[in-house]
Amino acid sequence: MKRRDLLRHLERHGCVFVREGHGHTIYENPANGKRVPIPRHREIPDVFARTICRQLDVPEP
């Protein structure tokens, strides 16, 4: 999955950008306060994208 598609999916479901890390971007779901680092690769494996969505309590893409 393309990284930009994953970020759009997360933002559509209420997640917000928090900050940039060294090699990753931090997104948070304000509804439950959970934060997840998202790597800065152009392609993110589908399995990892699903894991990120589950950790943020967002529907899988």
N, C-alpha and C. Protein backbone atom coordinates (compact mmCIF):
# COMPACT_ATOMS: atom_id res chain seq x y z
N MET A 1 0.85 -1.17 0.00
CA MET A 1 0.00 0.00 0.00
C MET A 1 0.90 1.23 0.00
N LYS A 2 0.51 2.23 -0.76
CA LYS A 2 1.26 3.48 -0.79
C LYS A 2 1.10 4.20 0.55
N ARG A 3 2.17 4.81 1.02
CA ARG A 3 2.14 5.51 2.30
C ARG A 3 1.11 6.63 2.30
N ARG A 4 1.05 7.39 1.22
CA ARG A 4 0.10 8.51 1.17
C ARG A 4 -1.35 8.02 1.23
N ASP A 5 -1.62 6.85 0.64
CA ASP A 5 -2.98 6.29 0.71
C ASP A 5 -3.32 5.89 2.14
N LEU A 6 -2.36 5.32 2.85
CA LEU A 6 -2.59 4.94 4.25
C LEU A 6 -2.85 6.19 5.10
N LEU A 7 -2.06 7.25 4.89
CA LEU A 7 -2.24 8.48 5.68
C LEU A 7 -3.60 9.11 5.40
N ARG A 8 -4.03 9.10 4.15
CA ARG A 8 -5.37 9.63 3.81
C ARG A 8 -6.45 8.81 4.51
N HIS A 9 -6.30 7.49 4.50
CA HIS A 9 -7.27 6.60 5.14
C HIS A 9 -7.36 6.92 6.64
N LEU A 10 -6.21 7.08 7.28
CA LEU A 10 -6.21 7.38 8.71
C LEU A 10 -6.86 8.73 9.00
N GLU A 11 -6.55 9.73 8.18
CA GLU A 11 -7.13 11.06 8.40
C GLU A 11 -8.63 11.07 8.16
N ARG A 12 -9.10 10.28 7.19
CA ARG A 12 -10.55 10.18 6.94
C ARG A 12 -11.28 9.62 8.14
N HIS A 13 -10.58 8.80 8.92
CA HIS A 13 -11.20 8.16 10.07
C HIS A 13 -10.85 8.86 11.38
N GLY A 14 -10.42 10.12 11.30
CA GLY A 14 -10.27 10.93 12.50
C GLY A 14 -8.88 10.99 13.11
N CYS A 15 -7.91 10.30 12.55
CA CYS A 15 -6.56 10.35 13.11
C CYS A 15 -5.88 11.65 12.69
N VAL A 16 -4.97 12.12 13.53
CA VAL A 16 -4.30 13.39 13.27
C VAL A 16 -2.78 13.21 13.35
N PHE A 17 -2.08 14.03 12.57
CA PHE A 17 -0.62 14.07 12.59
C PHE A 17 -0.18 14.68 13.91
N VAL A 18 0.81 14.07 14.56
CA VAL A 18 1.32 14.60 15.82
C VAL A 18 2.68 15.26 15.60
N ARG A 19 3.64 14.49 15.06
CA ARG A 19 4.98 15.01 14.84
C ARG A 19 5.77 14.09 13.93
N GLU A 20 6.92 14.60 13.48
CA GLU A 20 7.84 13.80 12.70
C GLU A 20 8.90 13.25 13.64
N GLY A 21 9.21 11.97 13.51
CA GLY A 21 10.31 11.38 14.25
C GLY A 21 11.54 11.33 13.36
N HIS A 22 12.54 10.55 13.73
CA HIS A 22 13.75 10.46 12.94
C HIS A 22 13.50 9.78 11.61
N GLY A 23 12.88 8.62 11.62
CA GLY A 23 12.61 7.89 10.38
C GLY A 23 11.15 7.52 10.25
N HIS A 24 10.29 8.19 11.00
CA HIS A 24 8.88 7.84 10.99
C HIS A 24 8.03 9.07 11.32
N THR A 25 6.74 8.92 11.10
CA THR A 25 5.77 9.97 11.40
C THR A 25 4.83 9.43 12.46
N ILE A 26 4.47 10.24 13.43
CA ILE A 26 3.58 9.80 14.51
C ILE A 26 2.17 10.29 14.21
N TYR A 27 1.21 9.37 14.23
CA TYR A 27 -0.21 9.71 14.10
C TYR A 27 -0.93 9.25 15.35
N GLU A 28 -2.00 9.98 15.69
CA GLU A 28 -2.76 9.69 16.90
C GLU A 28 -4.25 9.66 16.57
N ASN A 29 -4.96 8.77 17.26
CA ASN A 29 -6.41 8.74 17.20
C ASN A 29 -6.91 9.46 18.45
N PRO A 30 -7.40 10.72 18.31
CA PRO A 30 -7.82 11.48 19.48
C PRO A 30 -8.98 10.86 20.24
N ALA A 31 -9.75 10.01 19.58
CA ALA A 31 -10.89 9.38 20.24
C ALA A 31 -10.45 8.48 21.38
N ASN A 32 -9.29 7.82 21.23
CA ASN A 32 -8.84 6.91 22.28
C ASN A 32 -7.42 7.22 22.77
N GLY A 33 -6.75 8.22 22.18
CA GLY A 33 -5.43 8.63 22.65
C GLY A 33 -4.29 7.73 22.23
N LYS A 34 -4.55 6.77 21.33
CA LYS A 34 -3.50 5.85 20.90
C LYS A 34 -2.64 6.50 19.83
N ARG A 35 -1.32 6.29 19.92
CA ARG A 35 -0.37 6.82 18.94
C ARG A 35 0.41 5.68 18.30
N VAL A 36 0.74 5.87 17.01
CA VAL A 36 1.46 4.84 16.26
C VAL A 36 2.49 5.51 15.36
N PRO A 37 3.73 4.98 15.32
CA PRO A 37 4.70 5.48 14.35
C PRO A 37 4.46 4.84 12.99
N ILE A 38 4.56 5.63 11.94
CA ILE A 38 4.39 5.14 10.57
C ILE A 38 5.70 5.39 9.84
N PRO A 39 6.32 4.33 9.31
CA PRO A 39 7.62 4.51 8.65
C PRO A 39 7.52 5.37 7.40
N ARG A 40 8.63 6.01 7.05
CA ARG A 40 8.66 6.87 5.87
C ARG A 40 9.18 6.10 4.66
N HIS A 41 8.46 5.06 4.28
CA HIS A 41 8.77 4.32 3.06
C HIS A 41 7.65 4.60 2.07
N ARG A 42 7.95 4.60 0.79
CA ARG A 42 6.90 4.85 -0.21
C ARG A 42 5.85 3.75 -0.17
N GLU A 43 6.30 2.52 -0.01
CA GLU A 43 5.38 1.38 0.07
C GLU A 43 5.41 0.81 1.48
N ILE A 44 4.24 0.59 2.03
CA ILE A 44 4.11 -0.05 3.34
C ILE A 44 3.40 -1.38 3.11
N PRO A 45 4.00 -2.49 3.54
CA PRO A 45 3.35 -3.79 3.32
C PRO A 45 1.92 -3.80 3.86
N ASP A 46 1.03 -4.47 3.14
CA ASP A 46 -0.39 -4.51 3.51
C ASP A 46 -0.59 -5.05 4.93
N VAL A 47 0.20 -6.05 5.30
CA VAL A 47 0.07 -6.63 6.64
C VAL A 47 0.38 -5.57 7.70
N PHE A 48 1.41 -4.77 7.45
CA PHE A 48 1.78 -3.72 8.40
C PHE A 48 0.74 -2.60 8.43
N ALA A 49 0.17 -2.27 7.27
CA ALA A 49 -0.87 -1.24 7.22
C ALA A 49 -2.10 -1.67 8.03
N ARG A 50 -2.47 -2.94 7.92
CA ARG A 50 -3.60 -3.46 8.71
C ARG A 50 -3.29 -3.40 10.20
N THR A 51 -2.04 -3.71 10.57
CA THR A 51 -1.64 -3.67 11.97
C THR A 51 -1.73 -2.25 12.52
N ILE A 52 -1.29 -1.27 11.73
CA ILE A 52 -1.37 0.13 12.14
C ILE A 52 -2.83 0.52 12.38
N CYS A 53 -3.71 0.13 11.47
CA CYS A 53 -5.13 0.46 11.61
C CYS A 53 -5.73 -0.18 12.85
N ARG A 54 -5.37 -1.43 13.11
CA ARG A 54 -5.88 -2.10 14.31
C ARG A 54 -5.39 -1.41 15.58
N GLN A 55 -4.13 -0.99 15.59
CA GLN A 55 -3.59 -0.33 16.78
C GLN A 55 -4.28 1.00 17.05
N LEU A 56 -4.72 1.68 15.99
CA LEU A 56 -5.42 2.96 16.15
C LEU A 56 -6.94 2.80 16.26
N ASP A 57 -7.43 1.58 16.21
CA ASP A 57 -8.88 1.29 16.25
C ASP A 57 -9.61 1.97 15.07
N VAL A 58 -9.03 1.81 13.89
CA VAL A 58 -9.59 2.36 12.65
C VAL A 58 -9.92 1.18 11.74
N PRO A 59 -10.98 1.24 10.93
CA PRO A 59 -11.27 0.13 10.01
C PRO A 59 -10.11 -0.11 9.07
N GLU A 60 -9.89 -1.36 8.73
CA GLU A 60 -8.79 -1.71 7.82
C GLU A 60 -9.10 -1.22 6.41
N PRO A 61 -8.07 -0.81 5.67
CA PRO A 61 -8.29 -0.33 4.29
C PRO A 61 -8.67 -1.45 3.35
